C-alpha atoms as a PDB file:
ATOM      1  CA  UNK A   1      12.465   0.338  -6.111  1.00  0.00           C
ATOM      2  CA  UNK A   2      14.444   3.416  -6.685  1.00  0.00           C
ATOM      3  CA  UNK A   3      14.960   5.516  -3.591  1.00  0.00           C
ATOM      4  CA  UNK A   4      12.243   8.319  -3.630  1.00  0.00           C
ATOM      5  CA  UNK A   5      12.997  11.924  -2.671  1.00  0.00           C
ATOM      6  CA  UNK A   6      11.398  12.643   0.777  1.00  0.00           C
ATOM      7  CA  UNK A   7       8.940  14.981  -0.372  1.00  0.00           C
ATOM      8  CA  UNK A   8       7.445  12.551  -3.033  1.00  0.00           C
ATOM      9  CA  UNK A   9       7.453   9.857  -0.300  1.00  0.00           C
ATOM     10  CA  UNK A  10       5.551  12.106   2.134  1.00  0.00           C
ATOM     11  CA  UNK A  11       3.282  12.852  -0.497  1.00  0.00           C
ATOM     12  CA  UNK A  12       2.789   9.056  -1.161  1.00  0.00           C
ATOM     13  CA  UNK A  13       2.213   8.367   2.590  1.00  0.00           C
ATOM     14  CA  UNK A  14      -0.345  11.150   2.722  1.00  0.00           C
ATOM     15  CA  UNK A  15      -2.056   9.632  -0.252  1.00  0.00           C
ATOM     16  CA  UNK A  16      -2.084   6.193   1.200  1.00  0.00           C
ATOM     17  CA  UNK A  17      -3.415   7.506   4.520  1.00  0.00           C
ATOM     18  CA  UNK A  18      -6.421   8.553   2.840  1.00  0.00           C
ATOM     19  CA  UNK A  19      -7.039   6.369  -0.022  1.00  0.00           C
ATOM     20  CA  UNK A  20      -4.785   3.128   0.585  1.00  0.00           C
ATOM     21  CA  UNK A  21      -5.666  -0.422   1.947  1.00  0.00           C
ATOM     22  CA  UNK A  22      -3.308  -2.770   3.538  1.00  0.00           C
ATOM     23  CA  UNK A  23      -4.488  -6.698   3.528  1.00  0.00           C
ATOM     24  CA  UNK A  24      -3.105 -10.064   3.840  1.00  0.00           C
ATOM     25  CA  UNK A  25      -3.941 -12.366   0.812  1.00  0.00           C
ATOM     26  CA  UNK A  26      -4.464 -16.167   1.814  1.00  0.00           C
ATOM     27  CA  UNK A  27      -3.508 -19.004  -0.487  1.00  0.00           C
ATOM     28  CA  UNK A  28      -3.262 -22.673   0.460  1.00  0.00           C
ATOM     29  CA  UNK A  29       0.301 -22.434   0.681  1.00  0.00           C
ATOM     30  CA  UNK A  30       1.109 -18.729   1.505  1.00  0.00           C
ATOM     31  CA  UNK A  31      -0.064 -15.521   3.503  1.00  0.00           C
ATOM     32  CA  UNK A  32       1.266 -12.453   1.642  1.00  0.00           C
ATOM     33  CA  UNK A  33       1.189  -8.772   2.462  1.00  0.00           C
ATOM     34  CA  UNK A  34      -1.031  -6.664  -0.251  1.00  0.00           C
ATOM     35  CA  UNK A  35      -1.240  -2.900  -0.438  1.00  0.00           C
ATOM     36  CA  UNK A  36      -3.570  -0.853  -2.883  1.00  0.00           C
ATOM     37  CA  UNK A  37      -5.058   2.424  -3.748  1.00  0.00           C
ATOM     38  CA  UNK A  38      -7.860   2.674  -6.206  1.00  0.00           C
ATOM     39  CA  UNK A  39      -8.975   5.912  -7.500  1.00  0.00           C
ATOM     40  CA  UNK A  40     -10.689   7.548 -10.696  1.00  0.00           C
ATOM     41  CA  UNK A  41      -7.645   9.868 -11.142  1.00  0.00           C
ATOM     42  CA  UNK A  42      -5.196   8.096 -13.367  1.00  0.00           C
ATOM     43  CA  UNK A  43      -2.402  10.678 -13.250  1.00  0.00           C
ATOM     44  CA  UNK A  44      -2.526  10.245  -9.208  1.00  0.00           C
ATOM     45  CA  UNK A  45      -2.149   6.412  -9.380  1.00  0.00           C
ATOM     46  CA  UNK A  46       0.614   6.681 -12.023  1.00  0.00           C
ATOM     47  CA  UNK A  47       2.312   9.232  -9.861  1.00  0.00           C
ATOM     48  CA  UNK A  48       2.310   6.841  -6.948  1.00  0.00           C
ATOM     49  CA  UNK A  49       3.950   3.948  -8.993  1.00  0.00           C
ATOM     50  CA  UNK A  50       6.680   6.338 -10.253  1.00  0.00           C
ATOM     51  CA  UNK A  51       7.469   7.254  -6.533  1.00  0.00           C
ATOM     52  CA  UNK A  52       7.345   3.782  -5.046  1.00  0.00           C
ATOM     53  CA  UNK A  53       7.100   1.173  -7.564  1.00  0.00           C
ATOM     54  CA  UNK A  54       4.270  -1.478  -7.813  1.00  0.00           C
ATOM     55  CA  UNK A  55       1.963  -1.922 -10.856  1.00  0.00           C
ATOM     56  CA  UNK A  56      -1.076  -0.051 -11.969  1.00  0.00           C
ATOM     57  CA  UNK A  57      -4.047  -1.779 -13.460  1.00  0.00           C
ATOM     58  CA  UNK A  58      -7.065  -0.342 -15.122  1.00  0.00           C
ATOM     59  CA  UNK A  59      -9.191   1.335 -16.317  1.00  0.00           C
ATOM     60  CA  UNK A  60     -11.983  -0.877 -15.143  1.00  0.00           C
ATOM     61  CA  UNK A  61     -15.508  -0.421 -13.855  1.00  0.00           C
ATOM     62  CA  UNK A  62     -17.143  -2.844 -11.660  1.00  0.00           C
ATOM     63  CA  UNK A  63     -20.541  -3.668 -13.212  1.00  0.00           C
ATOM     64  CA  UNK A  64     -21.946  -2.733  -9.708  1.00  0.00           C
ATOM     65  CA  UNK A  65     -21.100   0.834 -10.143  1.00  0.00           C
ATOM     66  CA  UNK A  66     -23.298   1.181 -13.274  1.00  0.00           C
ATOM     67  CA  UNK A  67     -22.486   3.109 -16.396  1.00  0.00           C
ATOM     68  CA  UNK A  68     -22.671   6.670 -15.153  1.00  0.00           C
ATOM     69  CA  UNK A  69     -19.729   6.258 -12.781  1.00  0.00           C
ATOM     70  CA  UNK A  70     -16.040   6.789 -14.028  1.00  0.00           C
ATOM     71  CA  UNK A  71     -13.694   4.105 -14.470  1.00  0.00           C
ATOM     72  CA  UNK A  72     -11.378   3.304 -11.774  1.00  0.00           C
ATOM     73  CA  UNK A  73      -7.274   2.919 -11.505  1.00  0.00           C
ATOM     74  CA  UNK A  74      -5.561   0.798  -9.011  1.00  0.00           C
ATOM     75  CA  UNK A  75      -1.889   0.734  -7.838  1.00  0.00           C
ATOM     76  CA  UNK A  76      -0.790  -2.149  -6.049  1.00  0.00           C
ATOM     77  CA  UNK A  77       1.997  -4.023  -4.471  1.00  0.00           C
ATOM     78  CA  UNK A  78       2.636  -7.306  -3.074  1.00  0.00           C
ATOM     79  CA  UNK A  79       4.774  -9.426  -1.161  1.00  0.00           C
ATOM     80  CA  UNK A  80       8.429  -8.660  -0.248  1.00  0.00           C
ATOM     81  CA  UNK A  81       8.191  -5.379  -2.147  1.00  0.00           C
ATOM     82  CA  UNK A  82       5.200  -4.524   0.116  1.00  0.00           C
ATOM     83  CA  UNK A  83       7.016  -5.618   3.121  1.00  0.00           C
ATOM     84  CA  UNK A  84       9.969  -3.343   2.387  1.00  0.00           C
ATOM     85  CA  UNK A  85       7.720  -0.266   1.262  1.00  0.00           C
ATOM     86  CA  UNK A  86       5.553  -0.572   4.408  1.00  0.00           C
ATOM     87  CA  UNK A  87       8.263  -1.042   6.962  1.00  0.00           C
ATOM     88  CA  UNK A  88       9.750   2.483   5.287  1.00  0.00           C
ATOM     89  CA  UNK A  89       6.373   4.088   5.844  1.00  0.00           C
ATOM     90  CA  UNK A  90       5.655   2.836   9.133  1.00  0.00           C
ATOM     91  CA  UNK A  91       7.556   5.603  11.149  1.00  0.00           C
ATOM     92  CA  UNK A  92       5.376   8.107   9.329  1.00  0.00           C
ATOM     93  CA  UNK A  93       2.004   6.530   9.640  1.00  0.00           C
ATOM     94  CA  UNK A  94      -0.593   7.919  12.119  1.00  0.00           C
ATOM     95  CA  UNK A  95      -1.818   5.706  14.946  1.00  0.00           C
ATOM     96  CA  UNK A  96      -4.899   4.035  13.260  1.00  0.00           C
ATOM     97  CA  UNK A  97      -3.044   3.089  10.043  1.00  0.00           C
ATOM     98  CA  UNK A  98       0.092   2.052  11.957  1.00  0.00           C
ATOM     99  CA  UNK A  99      -2.076  -0.070  14.140  1.00  0.00           C
ATOM    100  CA  UNK A 100      -3.310  -1.685  10.881  1.00  0.00           C
ATOM    101  CA  UNK A 101       0.153  -2.308   9.381  1.00  0.00           C
ATOM    102  CA  UNK A 102       1.428  -3.542  12.396  1.00  0.00           C
ATOM    103  CA  UNK A 103      -1.583  -6.122  12.782  1.00  0.00           C
ATOM    104  CA  UNK A 104      -0.936  -7.287   8.956  1.00  0.00           C
ATOM    105  CA  UNK A 105       2.883  -7.514   9.685  1.00  0.00           C
ATOM    106  CA  UNK A 106       2.015  -9.480  12.596  1.00  0.00           C
ATOM    107  CA  UNK A 107      -0.355 -11.718  10.774  1.00  0.00           C
ATOM    108  CA  UNK A 108       1.910 -12.528   7.955  1.00  0.00           C
ATOM    109  CA  UNK A 109       4.752 -13.360  10.437  1.00  0.00           C
ATOM    110  CA  UNK A 110       6.888 -10.518   8.890  1.00  0.00           C
ATOM    111  CA  UNK A 111       7.114  -8.265  12.289  1.00  0.00           C
ATOM    112  CA  UNK A 112       8.716 -11.185  14.436  1.00  0.00           C
ATOM    113  CA  UNK A 113      10.833  -9.406  17.154  1.00  0.00           C
ATOM    114  CA  UNK A 114      10.865  -6.321  19.276  1.00  0.00           C
ATOM    115  CA  UNK A 115      13.985  -5.114  17.608  1.00  0.00           C
ATOM    116  CA  UNK A 116      11.927  -4.443  14.498  1.00  0.00           C
ATOM    117  CA  UNK A 117       9.647  -2.557  16.524  1.00  0.00           C
ATOM    118  CA  UNK A 118      12.362  -0.220  17.927  1.00  0.00           C
ATOM    119  CA  UNK A 119      13.506   0.537  14.414  1.00  0.00           C
ATOM    120  CA  UNK A 120      10.406   2.045  13.330  1.00  0.00           C
ATOM    121  CA  UNK A 121       9.320   3.928  16.346  1.00  0.00           C
END
């Protein structure tokens, strides 16, 4: 992942605050961090990828949405890359999203000591 310009990174954080999700994916052997943004605006999703990396999938249209709905594009990032990105974002997130991020980081074992907390506050 290239180092984004601050303005681009701030834009991404704002987009993620409004449209993003942070979850833990569980398998039999691993728990890993997953971050995603899903929306109908392909250009916005592709810009997010340019700014912070990750992958873009789409277009897709879940059958439950019906033919009248627009196709959806999805940006996502997983595992170690997601962890690095989330740690960079953490100081800039508002409290609700920051609390969710801390919950997920703790659940995956990626936030394990007080020193890490001091670095992001």
